[in-house]
Amino acid sequence: MRNISVLFFSLLFILYSASCSNLRKDKEKKKPESRITQVEKGMISKITCLNSPEISYHLYLPSGTKDSNRYPLILFLDPHARGALPLTKYKHLADSFGFIIAGSDCTQNGQEIAVTMDIIRKIIQDATKRFPADHRRITLSGFSGGARQAGVAIQQMPEVGALISCGAGMAFDPAAKVKSFSYLAFIGNTDFNYLEMKQLDRILSSSDVNFYLLEYPGKHEWPPTEVFTDAFLWLKFDAAKRNIVPHDIQTENTYWKKAMMELAELDSKGRYLEEYRLALKMKKFLNDSFARDLCKRLDGYSEYLIQKQAETILLEKEVAKQQEFMNAFRQFQLHWFLSEADKLFNLMNSANIETAAMYKRLLNWLSLASNMNASAAFENDYPQLMREYLLLYQKVDPENPDVFFLFALYYGKTNDKDSMYGSLENAVKNGFNDKKRMLAEPVFLPYHDEERFKEVISSLKDQGY
């Protein structure tokens, strides 16, 4: 593009006077600056792609952005096309670390992968052309279905060098040739995709991919800000290791000292499995020789091996229980599942931290399975079966706003208007905030002009997602 501009203005120089040419060159130089300043720094802005106006994304330029510099870019993929949501969560980290962050408004679950890839490419092309992004430091980050989309994209897009996934992983074939990239994954210890991520960890540990699985106390959601700080540190340290930017010795030393203190505390408490994970984290983040040696020492330590074996047994128990539930869903008996849910709650409340997290994951897995089966029953016009799935959903995940929203669909389908409104109002009280989804549901269309429905819609908070 730049070569074309130079040729164009060279021709103008021949056709017109030197003074006219110089004036136009000055204007050309100012174009990138004027494009950048259209977006207010320190504010989340909605952007429409110049060459594809049907595609939009949200963008956050750090408040200290200078037009003459280049900054790393993270493109976030939310599974429900809420482009501003991760930006709202992580904009202060973008300020602290000097990152441009963007969120796609047009990628979501259930989309054809070719469509998703096209949208991602066009957003990256638009953002790197119009804003001061460093093309050597482009990262994709996704949550849940967005993480899976990002995992496919990075294997097809040479311009993307790093992947940050949250709550789900990527399909990976160890036998296939995969380009070199940096991959940090986050998983909550009660996330229903925990088993999947532990399996991916085992696979990638023996591959050439620079990978680390970061576990934290949490559920299936975008990680909290204090946890996601590690994503920005990972990308900062990785760029230095690849000689793209100089090492930030002060930040690396601060990180190292903090980790060393945590290692000493874990060792003193005999929590060797956690000590190993932290040492591995130091090794992956900093390429630290002490951490590398500590991993080797712990790998031969009997107490560590005992704790590792206990974790393996717990995970195998979880796999077996999930399989039992999957088989039982084929001949669904509500009373059996309600009884199993009671057992899980009782066991969770009397177990140690690791075992309690496993029982909570099973309850969350049942929550997901109930949601999916209830939605399928609704789509296939089986209202009674939908109700039974929803009763299980309500049992295992009583505060989930989707429970109430799906009940509203059920009551709408069965023409119980009062119960439908009650469920919609409870959905909003419990945090449901997807106005677009509520307005798009065909079941609710006959009620759009009713005052009670308008009140429900108006009670939804506008988060800008």
Protein backbone atom coordinates (compact mmCIF):
# COMPACT_ATOMS: atom_id res chain seq x y z
CA MET A 1 0.00 0.00 0.00
CA ARG A 2 2.83 2.34 0.86
CA ASN A 3 4.68 1.63 -2.43
CA ILE A 4 1.51 2.47 -4.36
CA SER A 5 1.21 5.76 -2.47
CA VAL A 6 4.83 6.65 -3.24
CA LEU A 7 4.35 5.92 -6.95
CA PHE A 8 1.13 7.91 -7.01
CA PHE A 9 2.74 10.98 -5.52
CA SER A 10 5.81 10.60 -7.74
CA LEU A 11 3.51 10.85 -10.76
CA LEU A 12 1.89 13.93 -9.27
CA PHE A 13 5.34 15.43 -8.90
CA ILE A 14 5.90 15.03 -12.64
CA LEU A 15 2.49 16.41 -13.53
CA TYR A 16 2.41 19.27 -11.08
CA SER A 17 4.83 21.62 -9.42
CA ALA A 18 7.20 20.62 -6.65
CA SER A 19 5.39 22.78 -4.11
CA CYS A 20 2.04 21.10 -4.85
CA SER A 21 3.66 17.68 -4.53
CA ASN A 22 5.23 18.51 -1.19
CA LEU A 23 1.91 19.75 0.15
CA ARG A 24 0.16 16.51 -0.81
CA LYS A 25 2.99 14.42 0.70
CA ASP A 26 2.55 16.26 3.98
CA LYS A 27 -1.15 15.43 3.94
CA GLU A 28 -0.41 11.78 3.19
CA LYS A 29 1.90 11.56 6.19
CA LYS A 30 -0.82 12.89 8.46
CA LYS A 31 -3.46 10.35 7.37
CA PRO A 32 -2.46 7.54 9.79
CA GLU A 33 -2.43 10.02 12.68
CA SER A 34 -5.90 11.34 11.86
CA ARG A 35 -7.27 7.79 11.69
CA ILE A 36 -5.78 6.95 15.07
CA THR A 37 -7.07 10.07 16.76
CA GLN A 38 -10.63 9.27 15.68
CA VAL A 39 -10.59 6.78 18.57
CA GLU A 40 -10.37 8.31 22.01
CA LYS A 41 -7.50 6.83 23.99
CA GLY A 42 -8.46 5.27 27.29
CA MET A 43 -12.02 4.60 26.04
CA ILE A 44 -13.65 1.50 24.54
CA SER A 45 -14.80 2.35 21.01
CA LYS A 46 -16.87 0.46 18.45
CA ILE A 47 -15.07 0.15 15.12
CA THR A 48 -16.44 -0.78 11.70
CA CYS A 49 -13.98 -2.38 9.28
CA LEU A 50 -13.23 0.07 6.47
CA ASN A 51 -13.27 -2.54 3.71
CA SER A 52 -15.98 -4.75 5.27
CA PRO A 53 -18.59 -2.50 6.91
CA GLU A 54 -20.69 -5.52 7.90
CA ILE A 55 -17.94 -6.51 10.37
CA SER A 56 -17.44 -4.61 13.60
CA TYR A 57 -15.28 -4.91 16.68
CA HIS A 58 -14.58 -3.00 19.87
CA LEU A 59 -11.16 -1.50 20.46
CA TYR A 60 -9.28 -0.09 23.43
CA LEU A 61 -6.22 2.09 22.92
CA PRO A 62 -4.25 2.52 26.16
CA SER A 63 -4.40 6.05 27.51
CA GLY A 64 -0.64 6.48 27.02
CA THR A 65 -0.60 5.35 23.38
CA LYS A 66 1.76 7.33 21.14
CA ASP A 67 1.05 7.32 17.42
CA SER A 68 4.74 7.00 16.59
CA ASN A 69 5.16 3.74 18.55
CA ARG A 70 3.95 0.21 17.86
CA TYR A 71 2.07 -1.87 20.45
CA PRO A 72 1.20 -5.57 20.80
CA LEU A 73 -2.38 -6.44 19.84
CA ILE A 74 -4.73 -8.97 21.46
CA LEU A 75 -7.96 -9.86 19.65
CA PHE A 76 -10.54 -11.40 22.00
CA LEU A 77 -13.20 -13.84 20.82
CA ASP A 78 -16.23 -14.13 23.09
CA PRO A 79 -18.55 -17.10 22.38
CA HIS A 80 -21.59 -14.79 22.33
CA ALA A 81 -20.06 -12.01 20.18
CA ARG A 82 -19.78 -9.65 23.17
CA GLY A 83 -16.78 -7.77 21.86
CA ALA A 84 -16.67 -5.17 24.62
CA LEU A 85 -16.94 -7.60 27.54
CA PRO A 86 -13.28 -8.77 27.76
CA LEU A 87 -12.13 -5.22 27.02
CA THR A 88 -14.12 -3.94 29.98
CA LYS A 89 -12.53 -6.62 32.19
CA TYR A 90 -8.94 -6.17 31.03
CA LYS A 91 -8.56 -2.54 29.91
CA HIS A 92 -6.59 -1.61 33.05
CA LEU A 93 -4.13 -4.42 32.28
CA ALA A 94 -3.83 -3.05 28.74
CA ASP A 95 -2.94 0.33 30.25
CA SER A 96 -0.37 -1.18 32.62
CA PHE A 97 1.36 -3.34 30.01
CA GLY A 98 0.91 -1.13 26.94
CA PHE A 99 -1.28 -3.40 24.80
CA ILE A 100 -3.94 -2.56 22.23
CA ILE A 101 -6.91 -4.86 22.86
CA ALA A 102 -9.83 -5.58 20.54
CA GLY A 103 -12.94 -7.75 20.80
CA SER A 104 -14.87 -9.23 17.89
CA ASP A 105 -18.59 -8.39 17.68
CA CYS A 106 -19.19 -10.89 14.88
CA THR A 107 -17.74 -14.27 15.94
CA GLN A 108 -19.83 -16.59 18.08
CA ASN A 109 -20.73 -20.19 18.87
CA GLY A 110 -22.35 -22.22 16.10
CA GLN A 111 -20.70 -20.28 13.29
CA GLU A 112 -19.19 -21.92 10.21
CA ILE A 113 -15.45 -22.03 10.78
CA ALA A 114 -14.72 -20.52 7.35
CA VAL A 115 -16.91 -17.53 8.26
CA THR A 116 -15.13 -17.15 11.59
CA MET A 117 -11.70 -17.26 9.95
CA ASP A 118 -12.71 -14.60 7.44
CA ILE A 119 -13.97 -12.29 10.19
CA ILE A 120 -10.82 -12.72 12.29
CA ARG A 121 -8.55 -12.00 9.32
CA LYS A 122 -10.49 -8.87 8.35
CA ILE A 123 -10.50 -7.50 11.89
CA ILE A 124 -6.75 -8.04 12.26
CA GLN A 125 -6.08 -6.46 8.85
CA ASP A 126 -8.24 -3.48 9.72
CA ALA A 127 -6.80 -2.98 13.21
CA THR A 128 -3.16 -3.26 12.14
CA LYS A 129 -3.72 -0.89 9.22
CA ARG A 130 -5.55 1.82 11.13
CA PHE A 131 -3.96 1.66 14.58
CA PRO A 132 -0.34 1.48 15.83
CA ALA A 133 -0.20 -2.31 16.29
CA ASP A 134 3.04 -4.28 16.14
CA HIS A 135 2.54 -6.94 13.45
CA ARG A 136 5.18 -9.14 15.16
CA ARG A 137 3.12 -9.39 18.36
CA ILE A 138 -0.44 -10.37 17.41
CA THR A 139 -2.30 -12.63 19.84
CA LEU A 140 -5.69 -14.35 19.71
CA SER A 141 -7.52 -14.93 22.98
CA GLY A 142 -10.85 -16.68 23.38
CA PHE A 143 -13.19 -17.99 26.04
CA SER A 144 -15.09 -21.29 25.75
CA GLY A 145 -16.25 -21.62 22.11
CA GLY A 146 -14.18 -18.53 21.32
CA ALA A 147 -11.11 -20.36 22.61
CA ARG A 148 -11.79 -23.23 20.22
CA GLN A 149 -12.19 -20.79 17.31
CA ALA A 150 -8.91 -19.10 18.25
CA GLY A 151 -7.20 -22.50 18.39
CA VAL A 152 -8.25 -23.25 14.81
CA ALA A 153 -7.33 -19.77 13.61
CA ILE A 154 -3.78 -19.71 14.96
CA GLN A 155 -2.93 -22.88 13.05
CA GLN A 156 -4.11 -21.25 9.79
CA MET A 157 -2.86 -17.69 10.25
CA PRO A 158 0.92 -17.12 10.09
CA GLU A 159 0.47 -13.50 11.21
CA VAL A 160 -0.71 -14.64 14.67
CA GLY A 161 2.09 -15.71 17.00
CA ALA A 162 0.40 -16.42 20.34
CA LEU A 163 -2.77 -17.96 21.75
CA ILE A 164 -4.41 -17.31 25.13
CA SER A 165 -7.34 -19.66 25.73
CA CYS A 166 -9.78 -19.61 28.63
CA GLY A 167 -12.16 -22.37 29.66
CA ALA A 168 -11.55 -24.59 26.61
CA GLY A 169 -8.71 -25.82 24.44
CA MET A 170 -7.79 -26.47 20.86
CA ALA A 171 -7.86 -29.58 18.71
CA PHE A 172 -4.28 -30.79 18.44
CA ASP A 173 -2.86 -33.69 16.45
CA PRO A 174 0.58 -34.66 17.85
CA ALA A 175 1.45 -36.38 14.57
CA ALA A 176 0.70 -33.32 12.46
CA LYS A 177 3.20 -30.58 11.69
CA VAL A 178 2.21 -27.49 13.65
CA LYS A 179 3.74 -24.04 13.31
CA SER A 180 5.69 -22.70 16.28
CA PHE A 181 3.61 -20.50 18.55
CA SER A 182 3.23 -19.53 22.18
CA TYR A 183 0.20 -20.89 24.04
CA LEU A 184 -1.04 -20.08 27.55
CA ALA A 185 -4.29 -21.69 28.72
CA PHE A 186 -6.42 -20.79 31.74
CA ILE A 187 -8.80 -23.24 33.42
CA GLY A 188 -10.82 -22.85 36.62
CA ASN A 189 -10.62 -25.73 39.07
CA THR A 190 -14.43 -26.17 38.93
CA ASP A 191 -14.80 -25.68 35.16
CA PHE A 192 -16.68 -28.51 33.43
CA ASN A 193 -13.94 -28.51 30.75
CA TYR A 194 -11.21 -29.19 33.32
CA LEU A 195 -10.67 -32.81 32.23
CA GLU A 196 -10.34 -31.76 28.61
CA MET A 197 -7.65 -29.23 29.51
CA LYS A 198 -5.70 -31.70 31.66
CA GLN A 199 -5.67 -34.08 28.69
CA LEU A 200 -4.47 -31.29 26.39
CA ASP A 201 -1.74 -30.49 28.91
CA ARG A 202 -0.46 -34.07 28.71
CA ILE A 203 -0.45 -33.97 24.91
CA LEU A 204 1.23 -30.58 24.51
CA SER A 205 3.83 -31.25 27.21
CA SER A 206 5.58 -33.59 24.78
CA SER A 207 5.21 -31.28 21.74
CA ASP A 208 7.24 -28.36 20.41
CA VAL A 209 4.52 -25.85 21.33
CA ASN A 210 5.55 -23.45 24.09
CA PHE A 211 2.57 -24.30 26.34
CA TYR A 212 1.54 -23.85 29.95
CA LEU A 213 -1.79 -24.67 31.62
CA LEU A 214 -2.59 -22.22 34.39
CA GLU A 215 -5.11 -23.50 36.93
CA TYR A 216 -6.90 -21.15 39.30
CA PRO A 217 -9.84 -21.30 41.73
CA GLY A 218 -12.82 -20.50 39.52
CA LYS A 219 -15.61 -21.64 37.22
CA HIS A 220 -16.37 -21.48 33.49
CA GLU A 221 -15.96 -17.78 32.70
CA TRP A 222 -13.45 -15.20 31.50
CA PRO A 223 -10.74 -15.27 34.23
CA PRO A 224 -10.75 -12.55 36.88
CA THR A 225 -8.48 -9.58 36.20
CA GLU A 226 -5.96 -10.55 38.89
CA VAL A 227 -5.60 -14.00 37.30
CA PHE A 228 -5.44 -12.75 33.72
CA THR A 229 -2.48 -10.52 34.62
CA ASP A 230 -0.39 -13.60 33.89
CA ALA A 231 -1.52 -13.51 30.25
CA PHE A 232 0.09 -10.10 29.76
CA LEU A 233 3.24 -11.19 31.64
CA TRP A 234 3.44 -14.36 29.51
CA LEU A 235 3.27 -12.33 26.29
CA LYS A 236 5.76 -9.74 27.59
CA PHE A 237 8.31 -12.37 28.64
CA ASP A 238 7.77 -14.41 25.46
CA ALA A 239 8.49 -11.39 23.23
CA ALA A 240 11.77 -10.84 25.10
CA LYS A 241 12.73 -14.52 24.77
CA ARG A 242 12.15 -14.25 21.01
CA ASN A 243 14.31 -11.08 20.88
CA ILE A 244 11.44 -8.92 19.66
CA VAL A 245 11.78 -6.55 22.62
CA PRO A 246 14.48 -6.09 25.27
CA HIS A 247 14.17 -7.95 28.56
CA ASP A 248 12.46 -5.97 31.31
CA ILE A 249 14.89 -6.98 34.04
CA GLN A 250 13.01 -5.22 36.82
CA THR A 251 9.69 -6.91 36.01
CA GLU A 252 11.37 -10.30 35.57
CA ASN A 253 13.22 -9.99 38.89
CA THR A 254 10.05 -8.94 40.72
CA TYR A 255 8.20 -11.91 39.25
CA TRP A 256 11.05 -14.29 40.14
CA LYS A 257 11.33 -13.11 43.76
CA LYS A 258 7.58 -13.41 44.33
CA ALA A 259 7.57 -16.92 42.88
CA MET A 260 10.54 -17.95 45.02
CA MET A 261 8.70 -16.88 48.17
CA GLU A 262 5.64 -18.87 47.10
CA LEU A 263 7.81 -21.92 46.37
CA ALA A 264 9.35 -21.77 49.85
CA GLU A 265 5.90 -21.56 51.45
CA LEU A 266 4.53 -24.50 49.46
CA ASP A 267 7.59 -26.59 50.27
CA SER A 268 7.29 -25.85 53.98
CA LYS A 269 3.66 -27.04 53.92
CA GLY A 270 4.48 -30.20 51.98
CA ARG A 271 2.32 -29.17 49.03
CA TYR A 272 4.73 -30.65 46.50
CA LEU A 273 2.29 -31.01 43.62
CA GLU A 274 1.54 -27.27 43.72
CA GLU A 275 5.25 -26.56 44.17
CA TYR A 276 6.01 -28.50 41.00
CA ARG A 277 3.35 -26.60 39.05
CA LEU A 278 4.75 -23.26 40.19
CA ALA A 279 8.30 -24.32 39.34
CA LEU A 280 7.09 -25.39 35.89
CA LYS A 281 5.38 -22.02 35.51
CA MET A 282 8.66 -20.21 36.32
CA LYS A 283 10.45 -22.41 33.81
CA LYS A 284 7.90 -21.67 31.08
CA PHE A 285 7.52 -17.95 31.80
CA LEU A 286 11.19 -17.08 32.42
CA ASN A 287 13.13 -20.06 31.08
CA ASP A 288 14.60 -20.16 34.61
CA SER A 289 17.37 -22.70 35.29
CA PHE A 290 16.63 -22.99 39.02
CA ALA A 291 12.99 -23.82 38.29
CA ARG A 292 14.05 -26.35 35.66
CA ASP A 293 16.32 -28.11 38.17
CA LEU A 294 13.62 -28.02 40.86
CA CYS A 295 11.17 -29.76 38.52
CA LYS A 296 13.70 -32.52 37.94
CA ARG A 297 14.34 -32.95 41.67
CA LEU A 298 10.64 -33.06 42.56
CA ASP A 299 9.98 -35.54 39.78
CA GLY A 300 12.08 -38.06 41.69
CA TYR A 301 10.77 -37.21 45.15
CA SER A 302 8.52 -39.88 46.68
CA GLU A 303 6.12 -37.47 48.41
CA TYR A 304 5.54 -35.59 45.18
CA LEU A 305 4.92 -38.83 43.30
CA ILE A 306 2.37 -39.90 45.93
CA GLN A 307 0.48 -36.61 45.53
CA LYS A 308 0.66 -36.88 41.75
CA GLN A 309 -0.75 -40.41 41.87
CA ALA A 310 -3.60 -39.24 44.14
CA GLU A 311 -4.48 -36.56 41.57
CA THR A 312 -4.48 -39.16 38.79
CA ILE A 313 -6.83 -41.43 40.75
CA LEU A 314 -9.19 -38.50 41.40
CA LEU A 315 -9.27 -37.57 37.70
CA GLU A 316 -9.95 -41.18 36.72
CA LYS A 317 -12.85 -41.24 39.18
CA GLU A 318 -14.22 -38.08 37.57
CA VAL A 319 -13.95 -39.57 34.08
CA ALA A 320 -15.83 -42.69 35.20
CA LYS A 321 -18.60 -40.64 36.82
CA GLN A 322 -19.03 -38.47 33.74
CA GLN A 323 -19.32 -41.60 31.62
CA GLU A 324 -21.96 -42.98 34.00
CA PHE A 325 -23.97 -39.77 33.65
CA MET A 326 -23.67 -39.79 29.85
CA ASN A 327 -25.02 -43.33 29.72
CA ALA A 328 -27.87 -42.42 32.08
CA PHE A 329 -28.93 -39.48 29.89
CA ARG A 330 -29.76 -41.99 27.15
CA GLN A 331 -32.63 -43.31 29.31
CA PHE A 332 -33.31 -40.22 31.35
CA GLN A 333 -34.87 -40.79 34.78
CA LEU A 334 -35.31 -37.51 36.66
CA HIS A 335 -35.57 -39.04 40.14
CA TRP A 336 -32.24 -40.89 39.69
CA PHE A 337 -30.42 -37.74 38.61
CA LEU A 338 -31.91 -35.70 41.47
CA SER A 339 -30.70 -38.36 43.91
CA GLU A 340 -27.22 -38.30 42.35
CA ALA A 341 -27.14 -34.51 42.62
CA ASP A 342 -27.94 -34.73 46.34
CA LYS A 343 -25.07 -37.18 46.79
CA LEU A 344 -22.66 -34.85 44.99
CA PHE A 345 -23.66 -31.88 47.14
CA ASN A 346 -23.20 -33.90 50.34
CA LEU A 347 -19.83 -35.28 49.25
CA MET A 348 -18.65 -31.84 48.14
CA ASN A 349 -19.43 -30.31 51.52
CA SER A 350 -17.46 -32.95 53.43
CA ALA A 351 -14.41 -33.36 51.17
CA ASN A 352 -10.96 -31.75 51.02
CA ILE A 353 -10.32 -28.88 48.59
CA GLU A 354 -9.21 -31.00 45.61
CA THR A 355 -11.98 -33.59 45.98
CA ALA A 356 -14.62 -30.91 46.60
CA ALA A 357 -13.54 -29.19 43.38
CA MET A 358 -13.98 -32.50 41.53
CA TYR A 359 -17.56 -32.91 42.84
CA LYS A 360 -18.30 -29.29 41.92
CA ARG A 361 -17.01 -29.96 38.39
CA LEU A 362 -19.41 -32.90 38.11
CA LEU A 363 -22.31 -30.69 39.21
CA ASN A 364 -21.23 -28.09 36.64
CA TRP A 365 -21.02 -30.80 33.99
CA LEU A 366 -24.60 -31.82 34.84
CA SER A 367 -25.57 -28.15 34.58
CA LEU A 368 -24.19 -27.95 31.06
CA ALA A 369 -25.73 -31.27 30.01
CA SER A 370 -29.13 -30.23 31.41
CA ASN A 371 -28.98 -26.91 29.59
CA MET A 372 -28.11 -28.53 26.28
CA ASN A 373 -30.74 -31.26 26.60
CA ALA A 374 -33.45 -28.81 27.68
CA SER A 375 -32.62 -26.55 24.73
CA ALA A 376 -32.75 -29.53 22.34
CA ALA A 377 -36.09 -30.65 23.76
CA PHE A 378 -37.45 -27.13 23.26
CA GLU A 379 -36.25 -26.97 19.65
CA ASN A 380 -37.77 -30.40 18.92
CA ASP A 381 -41.08 -29.53 20.62
CA TYR A 382 -40.91 -31.92 23.59
CA PRO A 383 -42.13 -29.61 26.39
CA GLN A 384 -42.59 -32.30 29.06
CA LEU A 385 -39.08 -33.64 28.55
CA MET A 386 -37.78 -30.08 28.54
CA ARG A 387 -39.42 -29.49 31.93
CA GLU A 388 -37.71 -32.56 33.42
CA TYR A 389 -34.30 -31.46 32.17
CA LEU A 390 -34.97 -28.00 33.59
CA LEU A 391 -35.84 -29.42 37.01
CA LEU A 392 -32.43 -31.12 37.04
CA TYR A 393 -30.77 -27.93 35.79
CA GLN A 394 -32.41 -25.97 38.60
CA LYS A 395 -31.29 -28.59 41.14
CA VAL A 396 -27.60 -28.56 40.22
CA ASP A 397 -27.25 -24.86 39.32
CA PRO A 398 -30.07 -22.96 41.08
CA GLU A 399 -28.65 -19.45 40.66
CA ASN A 400 -27.85 -19.70 36.96
CA PRO A 401 -29.93 -17.07 35.09
CA ASP A 402 -30.25 -19.39 32.09
CA VAL A 403 -32.33 -21.76 34.24
CA PHE A 404 -35.00 -19.09 34.59
CA PHE A 405 -34.71 -17.98 30.97
CA LEU A 406 -35.25 -21.53 29.71
CA PHE A 407 -38.18 -21.94 32.10
CA ALA A 408 -39.63 -18.77 30.54
CA LEU A 409 -39.32 -20.42 27.13
CA TYR A 410 -41.04 -23.53 28.47
CA TYR A 411 -43.91 -21.53 29.95
CA GLY A 412 -44.19 -19.48 26.77
CA LYS A 413 -44.39 -22.67 24.73
CA THR A 414 -47.10 -24.07 27.03
CA ASN A 415 -49.07 -20.76 27.10
CA ASP A 416 -48.59 -20.11 30.82
CA LYS A 417 -48.12 -16.34 30.53
CA ASP A 418 -47.93 -15.47 34.24
CA SER A 419 -45.26 -18.12 34.90
CA MET A 420 -43.39 -16.99 31.78
CA TYR A 421 -43.21 -13.42 33.06
CA GLY A 422 -42.22 -14.58 36.53
CA SER A 423 -39.37 -16.63 35.07
CA LEU A 424 -38.18 -13.76 32.87
CA GLU A 425 -38.14 -11.44 35.88
CA ASN A 426 -36.21 -14.01 37.93
CA ALA A 427 -33.75 -14.44 35.06
CA VAL A 428 -33.01 -10.70 35.12
CA LYS A 429 -32.75 -10.67 38.94
CA ASN A 430 -30.15 -13.44 38.74
CA GLY A 431 -28.04 -11.65 36.14
CA PHE A 432 -29.49 -12.42 32.72
CA ASN A 433 -28.59 -9.50 30.48
CA ASP A 434 -28.84 -10.62 26.85
CA LYS A 435 -31.42 -8.21 25.44
CA LYS A 436 -30.76 -9.29 21.86
CA ARG A 437 -31.44 -12.93 22.68
CA MET A 438 -34.63 -12.15 24.59
CA LEU A 439 -36.03 -10.00 21.79
CA ALA A 440 -35.11 -12.55 19.12
CA GLU A 441 -36.91 -15.52 20.71
CA PRO A 442 -40.01 -16.31 18.59
CA VAL A 443 -41.91 -17.52 21.68
CA PHE A 444 -41.83 -14.00 23.10
CA LEU A 445 -42.79 -12.13 19.92
CA PRO A 446 -46.56 -12.04 20.71
CA TYR A 447 -45.79 -10.23 23.97
CA HIS A 448 -43.47 -7.48 22.69
CA ASP A 449 -46.16 -4.82 22.92
CA GLU A 450 -47.32 -5.76 26.42
CA GLU A 451 -46.30 -3.44 29.24
CA ARG A 452 -44.94 -6.23 31.44
CA PHE A 453 -42.63 -7.44 28.68
CA LYS A 454 -41.46 -3.88 28.04
CA GLU A 455 -40.68 -3.56 31.75
CA VAL A 456 -38.57 -6.71 31.64
CA ILE A 457 -36.66 -5.41 28.62
CA SER A 458 -36.10 -2.02 30.21
CA SER A 459 -34.79 -3.65 33.39
CA LEU A 460 -31.90 -5.23 31.47
CA LYS A 461 -28.73 -3.33 32.20
CA ASP A 462 -26.96 -1.93 29.18
CA GLN A 463 -23.39 -3.27 29.48
CA GLY A 464 -22.45 -2.29 25.95
CA TYR A 465 -21.71 -5.88 25.00
